[in-house]
Amino acid sequence: MKKVLLAIELSTPSAEFVLQKAKETIGPDVQLEVVHVVDPASMSYSVDPSMTGHIYQQQYDQTMANARARMRELCEPFGLDESQLHVRYGRVAPQIHDLLREGDFDTCMIGSHGYSGWRRVLGSVAASVLHGAPVNTLVFSLAPLQKTQNEHS
């Protein structure tokens, strides 16, 4: 590994866990960059269909700014700066695949949130990133984090 792209989901408590696992896995000479993709579906659930284009643009701008701020807050303690952070908008897997190609990455890392059946083995987002990824992809199981959270509940 020389250049790794880590895909994280900012709206879950697992983002820091996945970032920590990635840092533990890669060597000190490996370049790490992080991406979060804002899925249009997440915005559409919160948008009133009567909104005008101007109001929708304001919500888009605010959502993207919030995601960038959260990325900086999450990644700064791990020694990552703004140039290593990516916030994209669109369907998650295609956006990650495009960035992997554009950034000349050799490895992708992602956490899996699945809870039952096949989703226990591999979450649907992780599966969609894995299938079609142009590089080797490492999927972190979030089972240790989920077990710890359940013990504290």
N, C-alpha and C. Protein backbone atom coordinates (compact mmCIF):
# COMPACT_ATOMS: atom_id res chain seq x y z
N MET A 1 0.84 -1.18 0.00
CA MET A 1 0.00 0.00 0.00
C MET A 1 0.89 1.25 0.00
N LYS A 2 0.50 2.16 -0.88
CA LYS A 2 1.20 3.44 -0.92
C LYS A 2 0.24 4.61 -0.72
N LYS A 3 -0.96 4.48 -1.30
CA LYS A 3 -1.95 5.56 -1.20
C LYS A 3 -3.32 4.93 -0.97
N VAL A 4 -3.93 5.23 0.19
CA VAL A 4 -5.17 4.59 0.62
C VAL A 4 -6.28 5.63 0.73
N LEU A 5 -7.45 5.25 0.25
CA LEU A 5 -8.65 6.06 0.43
C LEU A 5 -9.54 5.35 1.44
N LEU A 6 -9.86 6.02 2.54
CA LEU A 6 -10.75 5.48 3.56
C LEU A 6 -12.11 6.14 3.41
N ALA A 7 -13.14 5.34 3.20
CA ALA A 7 -14.51 5.84 3.09
C ALA A 7 -15.17 5.73 4.45
N ILE A 8 -15.72 6.86 4.93
CA ILE A 8 -16.39 6.86 6.23
C ILE A 8 -17.79 7.45 6.10
N GLU A 9 -18.63 7.07 7.05
CA GLU A 9 -20.00 7.59 7.12
C GLU A 9 -20.05 8.47 8.37
N LEU A 10 -20.15 9.77 8.16
CA LEU A 10 -20.08 10.72 9.27
C LEU A 10 -21.27 10.66 10.22
N SER A 11 -22.40 10.16 9.76
CA SER A 11 -23.60 10.18 10.59
C SER A 11 -23.67 9.01 11.57
N THR A 12 -22.65 8.18 11.59
CA THR A 12 -22.66 7.04 12.51
C THR A 12 -21.54 7.18 13.54
N PRO A 13 -21.71 6.55 14.69
CA PRO A 13 -20.65 6.62 15.71
C PRO A 13 -19.42 5.81 15.32
N SER A 14 -19.50 5.04 14.24
CA SER A 14 -18.38 4.19 13.84
C SER A 14 -17.29 4.93 13.09
N ALA A 15 -17.51 6.17 12.68
CA ALA A 15 -16.54 6.89 11.85
C ALA A 15 -15.17 6.95 12.52
N GLU A 16 -15.13 7.30 13.79
CA GLU A 16 -13.85 7.39 14.50
C GLU A 16 -13.20 6.01 14.64
N PHE A 17 -14.01 4.99 14.90
CA PHE A 17 -13.52 3.61 15.02
C PHE A 17 -12.85 3.17 13.72
N VAL A 18 -13.53 3.43 12.58
CA VAL A 18 -12.99 3.02 11.28
C VAL A 18 -11.71 3.79 10.98
N LEU A 19 -11.68 5.06 11.30
CA LEU A 19 -10.48 5.86 11.09
C LEU A 19 -9.32 5.33 11.94
N GLN A 20 -9.60 4.99 13.18
CA GLN A 20 -8.56 4.42 14.05
C GLN A 20 -8.05 3.09 13.50
N LYS A 21 -8.96 2.22 13.05
CA LYS A 21 -8.55 0.93 12.48
C LYS A 21 -7.69 1.13 11.25
N ALA A 22 -8.03 2.09 10.41
CA ALA A 22 -7.25 2.36 9.20
C ALA A 22 -5.84 2.82 9.58
N LYS A 23 -5.74 3.74 10.53
CA LYS A 23 -4.43 4.23 10.95
C LYS A 23 -3.58 3.11 11.55
N GLU A 24 -4.22 2.18 12.27
CA GLU A 24 -3.49 1.05 12.85
C GLU A 24 -3.02 0.07 11.78
N THR A 25 -3.76 -0.01 10.68
CA THR A 25 -3.49 -1.00 9.63
C THR A 25 -2.40 -0.56 8.67
N ILE A 26 -2.36 0.72 8.36
CA ILE A 26 -1.38 1.19 7.37
C ILE A 26 -0.05 1.52 8.04
N GLY A 27 0.99 1.51 7.25
CA GLY A 27 2.31 1.86 7.74
C GLY A 27 2.50 3.37 7.77
N PRO A 28 3.59 3.82 8.41
CA PRO A 28 3.83 5.26 8.54
C PRO A 28 4.12 5.95 7.20
N ASP A 29 4.56 5.19 6.21
CA ASP A 29 4.89 5.78 4.92
C ASP A 29 3.73 5.75 3.94
N VAL A 30 2.57 5.28 4.38
CA VAL A 30 1.40 5.18 3.51
C VAL A 30 0.61 6.48 3.59
N GLN A 31 0.26 7.01 2.42
CA GLN A 31 -0.55 8.24 2.36
C GLN A 31 -2.02 7.86 2.54
N LEU A 32 -2.69 8.47 3.52
CA LEU A 32 -4.10 8.20 3.79
C LEU A 32 -4.93 9.43 3.47
N GLU A 33 -6.00 9.23 2.73
CA GLU A 33 -6.99 10.27 2.48
C GLU A 33 -8.35 9.70 2.86
N VAL A 34 -9.29 10.58 3.24
CA VAL A 34 -10.59 10.15 3.75
C VAL A 34 -11.68 10.80 2.92
N VAL A 35 -12.73 10.02 2.65
CA VAL A 35 -13.88 10.54 1.89
C VAL A 35 -15.18 10.23 2.63
N HIS A 36 -16.08 11.19 2.57
CA HIS A 36 -17.47 11.00 2.99
C HIS A 36 -18.32 11.44 1.82
N VAL A 37 -19.33 10.64 1.50
CA VAL A 37 -20.23 10.99 0.40
C VAL A 37 -21.60 11.30 0.98
N VAL A 38 -22.09 12.50 0.67
CA VAL A 38 -23.44 12.89 1.05
C VAL A 38 -24.36 12.31 -0.01
N ASP A 39 -25.21 11.39 0.41
CA ASP A 39 -26.13 10.72 -0.50
C ASP A 39 -27.35 11.61 -0.75
N PRO A 40 -27.73 11.82 -2.02
CA PRO A 40 -28.89 12.67 -2.31
C PRO A 40 -30.16 12.19 -1.59
N ALA A 41 -30.28 10.89 -1.36
CA ALA A 41 -31.47 10.36 -0.69
C ALA A 41 -31.57 10.92 0.72
N SER A 42 -30.44 11.11 1.39
CA SER A 42 -30.49 11.64 2.76
C SER A 42 -31.00 13.07 2.77
N MET A 43 -30.71 13.82 1.74
CA MET A 43 -31.22 15.19 1.68
C MET A 43 -32.68 15.21 1.25
N SER A 44 -33.07 14.31 0.36
CA SER A 44 -34.44 14.35 -0.15
C SER A 44 -35.46 14.05 0.94
N TYR A 45 -35.08 13.26 1.94
CA TYR A 45 -36.00 12.96 3.04
C TYR A 45 -36.26 14.19 3.90
N SER A 46 -35.33 15.12 3.89
CA SER A 46 -35.48 16.29 4.74
C SER A 46 -35.91 17.53 3.97
N VAL A 47 -36.20 17.36 2.68
CA VAL A 47 -36.55 18.52 1.85
C VAL A 47 -38.05 18.55 1.59
N ASP A 48 -38.65 19.67 1.85
CA ASP A 48 -40.06 19.90 1.53
C ASP A 48 -40.17 20.01 0.01
N PRO A 49 -41.03 19.21 -0.63
CA PRO A 49 -41.10 19.23 -2.10
C PRO A 49 -41.52 20.59 -2.67
N SER A 50 -42.07 21.47 -1.85
CA SER A 50 -42.45 22.79 -2.34
C SER A 50 -41.29 23.79 -2.32
N MET A 51 -40.11 23.35 -1.87
CA MET A 51 -38.96 24.24 -1.81
C MET A 51 -38.56 24.70 -3.20
N THR A 52 -38.17 25.94 -3.30
CA THR A 52 -37.69 26.46 -4.57
C THR A 52 -36.24 26.04 -4.77
N GLY A 53 -35.74 26.21 -5.98
CA GLY A 53 -34.35 25.87 -6.26
C GLY A 53 -33.38 26.62 -5.39
N HIS A 54 -33.66 27.89 -5.10
CA HIS A 54 -32.78 28.71 -4.28
C HIS A 54 -32.69 28.15 -2.86
N ILE A 55 -33.81 27.78 -2.28
CA ILE A 55 -33.82 27.24 -0.92
C ILE A 55 -33.12 25.88 -0.90
N TYR A 56 -33.36 25.06 -1.92
CA TYR A 56 -32.70 23.76 -1.99
C TYR A 56 -31.18 23.95 -2.09
N GLN A 57 -30.74 24.92 -2.88
CA GLN A 57 -29.30 25.20 -3.02
C GLN A 57 -28.71 25.61 -1.67
N GLN A 58 -29.44 26.40 -0.91
CA GLN A 58 -28.96 26.79 0.42
C GLN A 58 -28.81 25.57 1.33
N GLN A 59 -29.79 24.66 1.26
CA GLN A 59 -29.71 23.46 2.08
C GLN A 59 -28.53 22.59 1.64
N TYR A 60 -28.34 22.46 0.33
CA TYR A 60 -27.20 21.70 -0.20
C TYR A 60 -25.88 22.31 0.31
N ASP A 61 -25.74 23.62 0.16
CA ASP A 61 -24.52 24.30 0.59
C ASP A 61 -24.27 24.09 2.08
N GLN A 62 -25.32 24.20 2.89
CA GLN A 62 -25.18 24.03 4.34
C GLN A 62 -24.82 22.59 4.69
N THR A 63 -25.46 21.63 4.02
CA THR A 63 -25.17 20.21 4.26
C THR A 63 -23.71 19.90 3.94
N MET A 64 -23.22 20.39 2.81
CA MET A 64 -21.84 20.14 2.41
C MET A 64 -20.87 20.83 3.38
N ALA A 65 -21.18 22.05 3.79
CA ALA A 65 -20.32 22.77 4.74
C ALA A 65 -20.27 22.03 6.08
N ASN A 66 -21.42 21.54 6.54
CA ASN A 66 -21.46 20.78 7.79
C ASN A 66 -20.63 19.51 7.69
N ALA A 67 -20.72 18.82 6.54
CA ALA A 67 -19.94 17.59 6.35
C ALA A 67 -18.45 17.90 6.35
N ARG A 68 -18.04 18.97 5.69
CA ARG A 68 -16.62 19.35 5.68
C ARG A 68 -16.13 19.68 7.09
N ALA A 69 -16.94 20.41 7.83
CA ALA A 69 -16.56 20.76 9.21
C ALA A 69 -16.44 19.52 10.08
N ARG A 70 -17.37 18.60 9.95
CA ARG A 70 -17.33 17.35 10.73
C ARG A 70 -16.10 16.52 10.34
N MET A 71 -15.78 16.50 9.04
CA MET A 71 -14.58 15.77 8.58
C MET A 71 -13.33 16.35 9.23
N ARG A 72 -13.20 17.68 9.23
CA ARG A 72 -12.03 18.31 9.83
C ARG A 72 -11.95 17.98 11.33
N GLU A 73 -13.08 18.08 12.01
CA GLU A 73 -13.14 17.79 13.45
C GLU A 73 -12.73 16.34 13.74
N LEU A 74 -13.21 15.42 12.93
CA LEU A 74 -12.91 14.00 13.13
C LEU A 74 -11.47 13.66 12.78
N CYS A 75 -10.95 14.22 11.69
CA CYS A 75 -9.67 13.78 11.14
C CYS A 75 -8.46 14.53 11.69
N GLU A 76 -8.65 15.73 12.18
CA GLU A 76 -7.52 16.51 12.68
C GLU A 76 -6.73 15.80 13.78
N PRO A 77 -7.39 15.17 14.78
CA PRO A 77 -6.62 14.47 15.81
C PRO A 77 -5.78 13.30 15.27
N PHE A 78 -6.08 12.85 14.07
CA PHE A 78 -5.33 11.75 13.46
C PHE A 78 -4.23 12.27 12.53
N GLY A 79 -4.00 13.58 12.57
CA GLY A 79 -2.92 14.16 11.78
C GLY A 79 -3.26 14.38 10.32
N LEU A 80 -4.54 14.38 9.98
CA LEU A 80 -4.94 14.59 8.59
C LEU A 80 -5.35 16.04 8.39
N ASP A 81 -4.89 16.63 7.30
CA ASP A 81 -5.24 18.02 7.03
C ASP A 81 -6.25 18.10 5.89
N GLU A 82 -6.69 19.31 5.62
CA GLU A 82 -7.73 19.58 4.62
C GLU A 82 -7.44 18.94 3.26
N SER A 83 -6.17 18.91 2.87
CA SER A 83 -5.81 18.37 1.54
C SER A 83 -6.05 16.86 1.45
N GLN A 84 -6.22 16.20 2.60
CA GLN A 84 -6.42 14.75 2.63
C GLN A 84 -7.89 14.37 2.82
N LEU A 85 -8.77 15.36 2.83
CA LEU A 85 -10.19 15.12 3.10
C LEU A 85 -11.02 15.43 1.87
N HIS A 86 -11.99 14.56 1.60
CA HIS A 86 -12.87 14.73 0.45
C HIS A 86 -14.32 14.59 0.90
N VAL A 87 -15.14 15.53 0.51
CA VAL A 87 -16.58 15.43 0.71
C VAL A 87 -17.21 15.51 -0.66
N ARG A 88 -17.98 14.49 -1.00
CA ARG A 88 -18.62 14.41 -2.31
C ARG A 88 -20.12 14.29 -2.14
N TYR A 89 -20.82 14.55 -3.22
CA TYR A 89 -22.28 14.47 -3.24
C TYR A 89 -22.70 13.55 -4.38
N GLY A 90 -23.54 12.57 -4.07
CA GLY A 90 -24.02 11.65 -5.10
C GLY A 90 -24.21 10.26 -4.52
N ARG A 91 -24.42 9.31 -5.41
CA ARG A 91 -24.54 7.92 -4.96
C ARG A 91 -23.18 7.46 -4.47
N VAL A 92 -23.17 6.80 -3.33
CA VAL A 92 -21.93 6.53 -2.60
C VAL A 92 -20.91 5.74 -3.42
N ALA A 93 -21.27 4.56 -3.88
CA ALA A 93 -20.28 3.70 -4.55
C ALA A 93 -19.69 4.35 -5.80
N PRO A 94 -20.51 4.89 -6.71
CA PRO A 94 -19.91 5.53 -7.89
C PRO A 94 -19.00 6.71 -7.55
N GLN A 95 -19.36 7.49 -6.53
CA GLN A 95 -18.51 8.61 -6.13
C GLN A 95 -17.16 8.12 -5.61
N ILE A 96 -17.18 7.06 -4.81
CA ILE A 96 -15.93 6.50 -4.28
C ILE A 96 -15.11 5.89 -5.40
N HIS A 97 -15.75 5.16 -6.29
CA HIS A 97 -15.03 4.57 -7.43
C HIS A 97 -14.37 5.65 -8.28
N ASP A 98 -15.09 6.73 -8.55
CA ASP A 98 -14.52 7.83 -9.34
C ASP A 98 -13.31 8.44 -8.63
N LEU A 99 -13.42 8.68 -7.33
CA LEU A 99 -12.31 9.27 -6.59
C LEU A 99 -11.11 8.34 -6.55
N LEU A 100 -11.35 7.03 -6.43
CA LEU A 100 -10.25 6.07 -6.44
C LEU A 100 -9.47 6.18 -7.75
N ARG A 101 -10.18 6.32 -8.86
CA ARG A 101 -9.51 6.45 -10.16
C ARG A 101 -8.82 7.81 -10.30
N GLU A 102 -9.52 8.87 -9.93
CA GLU A 102 -8.99 10.23 -10.08
C GLU A 102 -7.75 10.46 -9.22
N GLY A 103 -7.74 9.89 -8.03
CA GLY A 103 -6.65 10.13 -7.07
C GLY A 103 -5.53 9.14 -7.17
N ASP A 104 -5.63 8.19 -8.09
CA ASP A 104 -4.58 7.19 -8.28
C ASP A 104 -4.28 6.43 -6.99
N PHE A 105 -5.34 6.03 -6.29
CA PHE A 105 -5.19 5.24 -5.07
C PHE A 105 -4.92 3.79 -5.42
N ASP A 106 -4.22 3.06 -4.54
CA ASP A 106 -4.00 1.63 -4.78
C ASP A 106 -4.82 0.76 -3.85
N THR A 107 -5.45 1.38 -2.83
CA THR A 107 -6.24 0.61 -1.87
C THR A 107 -7.41 1.46 -1.37
N CYS A 108 -8.52 0.78 -1.10
CA CYS A 108 -9.69 1.42 -0.51
C CYS A 108 -9.99 0.69 0.79
N MET A 109 -10.41 1.44 1.81
CA MET A 109 -10.84 0.85 3.08
C MET A 109 -12.21 1.42 3.43
N ILE A 110 -13.05 0.56 4.02
CA ILE A 110 -14.40 0.97 4.40
C ILE A 110 -14.87 0.09 5.56
N GLY A 111 -15.75 0.61 6.39
CA GLY A 111 -16.36 -0.17 7.46
C GLY A 111 -17.68 -0.73 7.00
N SER A 112 -18.08 -1.85 7.58
CA SER A 112 -19.34 -2.48 7.23
C SER A 112 -20.28 -2.47 8.43
N HIS A 113 -21.52 -1.98 8.22
CA HIS A 113 -22.49 -1.82 9.29
C HIS A 113 -23.53 -2.94 9.36
N GLY A 114 -23.47 -3.94 8.50
CA GLY A 114 -24.52 -4.95 8.41
C GLY A 114 -24.83 -5.62 9.74
N TYR A 115 -26.11 -5.97 9.94
CA TYR A 115 -26.53 -6.55 11.22
C TYR A 115 -27.12 -7.94 11.12
N SER A 116 -27.77 -8.31 10.01
CA SER A 116 -28.40 -9.63 9.94
C SER A 116 -28.28 -10.19 8.53
N GLY A 117 -28.36 -11.52 8.43
CA GLY A 117 -28.27 -12.18 7.13
C GLY A 117 -26.98 -11.79 6.42
N TRP A 118 -27.07 -11.58 5.12
CA TRP A 118 -25.89 -11.17 4.35
C TRP A 118 -25.38 -9.81 4.81
N ARG A 119 -26.28 -8.98 5.31
CA ARG A 119 -25.83 -7.67 5.79
C ARG A 119 -24.93 -7.82 7.01
N ARG A 120 -25.03 -8.96 7.75
CA ARG A 120 -24.11 -9.19 8.86
C ARG A 120 -22.70 -9.39 8.32
N VAL A 121 -22.57 -10.03 7.18
CA VAL A 121 -21.27 -10.28 6.58
C VAL A 121 -20.74 -9.01 5.94
N LEU A 122 -21.58 -8.33 5.20
CA LEU A 122 -21.13 -7.15 4.47
C LEU A 122 -22.31 -6.21 4.29
N GLY A 123 -22.22 -5.01 4.80
CA GLY A 123 -23.30 -4.03 4.66
C GLY A 123 -23.54 -3.67 3.21
N SER A 124 -24.72 -3.18 2.90
CA SER A 124 -25.07 -2.91 1.51
C SER A 124 -24.19 -1.83 0.89
N VAL A 125 -23.82 -0.79 1.62
CA VAL A 125 -22.95 0.24 1.06
C VAL A 125 -21.55 -0.33 0.85
N ALA A 126 -21.03 -1.03 1.84
CA ALA A 126 -19.71 -1.64 1.69
C ALA A 126 -19.69 -2.61 0.52
N ALA A 127 -20.76 -3.39 0.36
CA ALA A 127 -20.83 -4.33 -0.76
C ALA A 127 -20.84 -3.61 -2.08
N SER A 128 -21.57 -2.50 -2.17
CA SER A 128 -21.62 -1.77 -3.44
C SER A 128 -20.29 -1.11 -3.76
N VAL A 129 -19.54 -0.69 -2.74
CA VAL A 129 -18.21 -0.13 -2.97
C VAL A 129 -17.26 -1.24 -3.40
N LEU A 130 -17.32 -2.36 -2.70
CA LEU A 130 -16.43 -3.49 -3.01
C LEU A 130 -16.63 -3.97 -4.44
N HIS A 131 -17.87 -4.15 -4.85
CA HIS A 131 -18.15 -4.63 -6.20
C HIS A 131 -18.00 -3.48 -7.17
N GLY A 132 -17.01 -3.57 -8.00
CA GLY A 132 -16.75 -2.52 -8.97
C GLY A 132 -15.61 -1.60 -8.58
N ALA A 133 -15.04 -1.79 -7.39
CA ALA A 133 -13.90 -0.97 -6.99
C ALA A 133 -12.72 -1.27 -7.91
N PRO A 134 -12.04 -0.24 -8.39
CA PRO A 134 -10.92 -0.46 -9.31
C PRO A 134 -9.61 -0.81 -8.60
N VAL A 135 -9.65 -0.97 -7.27
CA VAL A 135 -8.45 -1.28 -6.49
C VAL A 135 -8.79 -2.31 -5.42
N ASN A 136 -7.77 -2.86 -4.77
CA ASN A 136 -8.00 -3.75 -3.64
C ASN A 136 -8.76 -2.99 -2.56
N THR A 137 -9.72 -3.69 -1.94
CA THR A 137 -10.56 -3.05 -0.94
C THR A 137 -10.57 -3.88 0.35
N LEU A 138 -10.32 -3.19 1.46
CA LEU A 138 -10.32 -3.82 2.77
C LEU A 138 -11.57 -3.36 3.51
N VAL A 139 -12.35 -4.31 3.99
CA VAL A 139 -13.58 -3.98 4.72
C VAL A 139 -13.37 -4.31 6.19
N PHE A 140 -13.56 -3.29 7.04
CA PHE A 140 -13.45 -3.48 8.48
C PHE A 140 -14.81 -3.90 9.02
N SER A 141 -14.83 -4.94 9.83
CA SER A 141 -16.06 -5.34 10.51
C SER A 141 -16.28 -4.39 11.68
N LEU A 142 -17.51 -3.94 11.83
CA LEU A 142 -17.83 -3.07 12.96
C LEU A 142 -18.41 -3.86 14.12
N ALA A 143 -18.33 -5.19 14.05
CA ALA A 143 -18.86 -6.03 15.12
C ALA A 143 -18.22 -5.72 16.48
N PRO A 144 -16.88 -5.51 16.57
CA PRO A 144 -16.31 -5.19 17.89
C PRO A 144 -16.89 -3.90 18.47
N LEU A 145 -17.10 -2.91 17.62
CA LEU A 145 -17.67 -1.65 18.09
C LEU A 145 -19.11 -1.85 18.52
N GLN A 146 -19.88 -2.60 17.73
CA GLN A 146 -21.29 -2.84 18.05
C GLN A 146 -21.42 -3.62 19.35
N LYS A 147 -20.54 -4.60 19.56
CA LYS A 147 -20.57 -5.39 20.79
C LYS A 147 -20.29 -4.49 21.99
N THR A 148 -19.28 -3.62 21.88
CA THR A 148 -18.94 -2.71 22.96
C THR A 148 -20.10 -1.78 23.26
N GLN A 149 -20.75 -1.25 22.23
CA GLN A 149 -21.89 -0.36 22.44
C GLN A 149 -23.04 -1.08 23.11
N ASN A 150 -23.30 -2.32 22.72
CA ASN A 150 -24.38 -3.11 23.32
C ASN A 150 -24.11 -3.41 24.80
N GLU A 151 -22.84 -3.64 25.14
CA GLU A 151 -22.48 -3.93 26.53
C GLU A 151 -22.74 -2.72 27.43
N HIS A 152 -22.63 -1.51 26.85
CA HIS A 152 -22.82 -0.29 27.63
C HIS A 152 -24.27 0.18 27.63
N SER A 153 -25.12 -0.48 26.88
CA SER A 153 -26.54 -0.05 26.81
C SER A 153 -27.33 -0.54 28.00
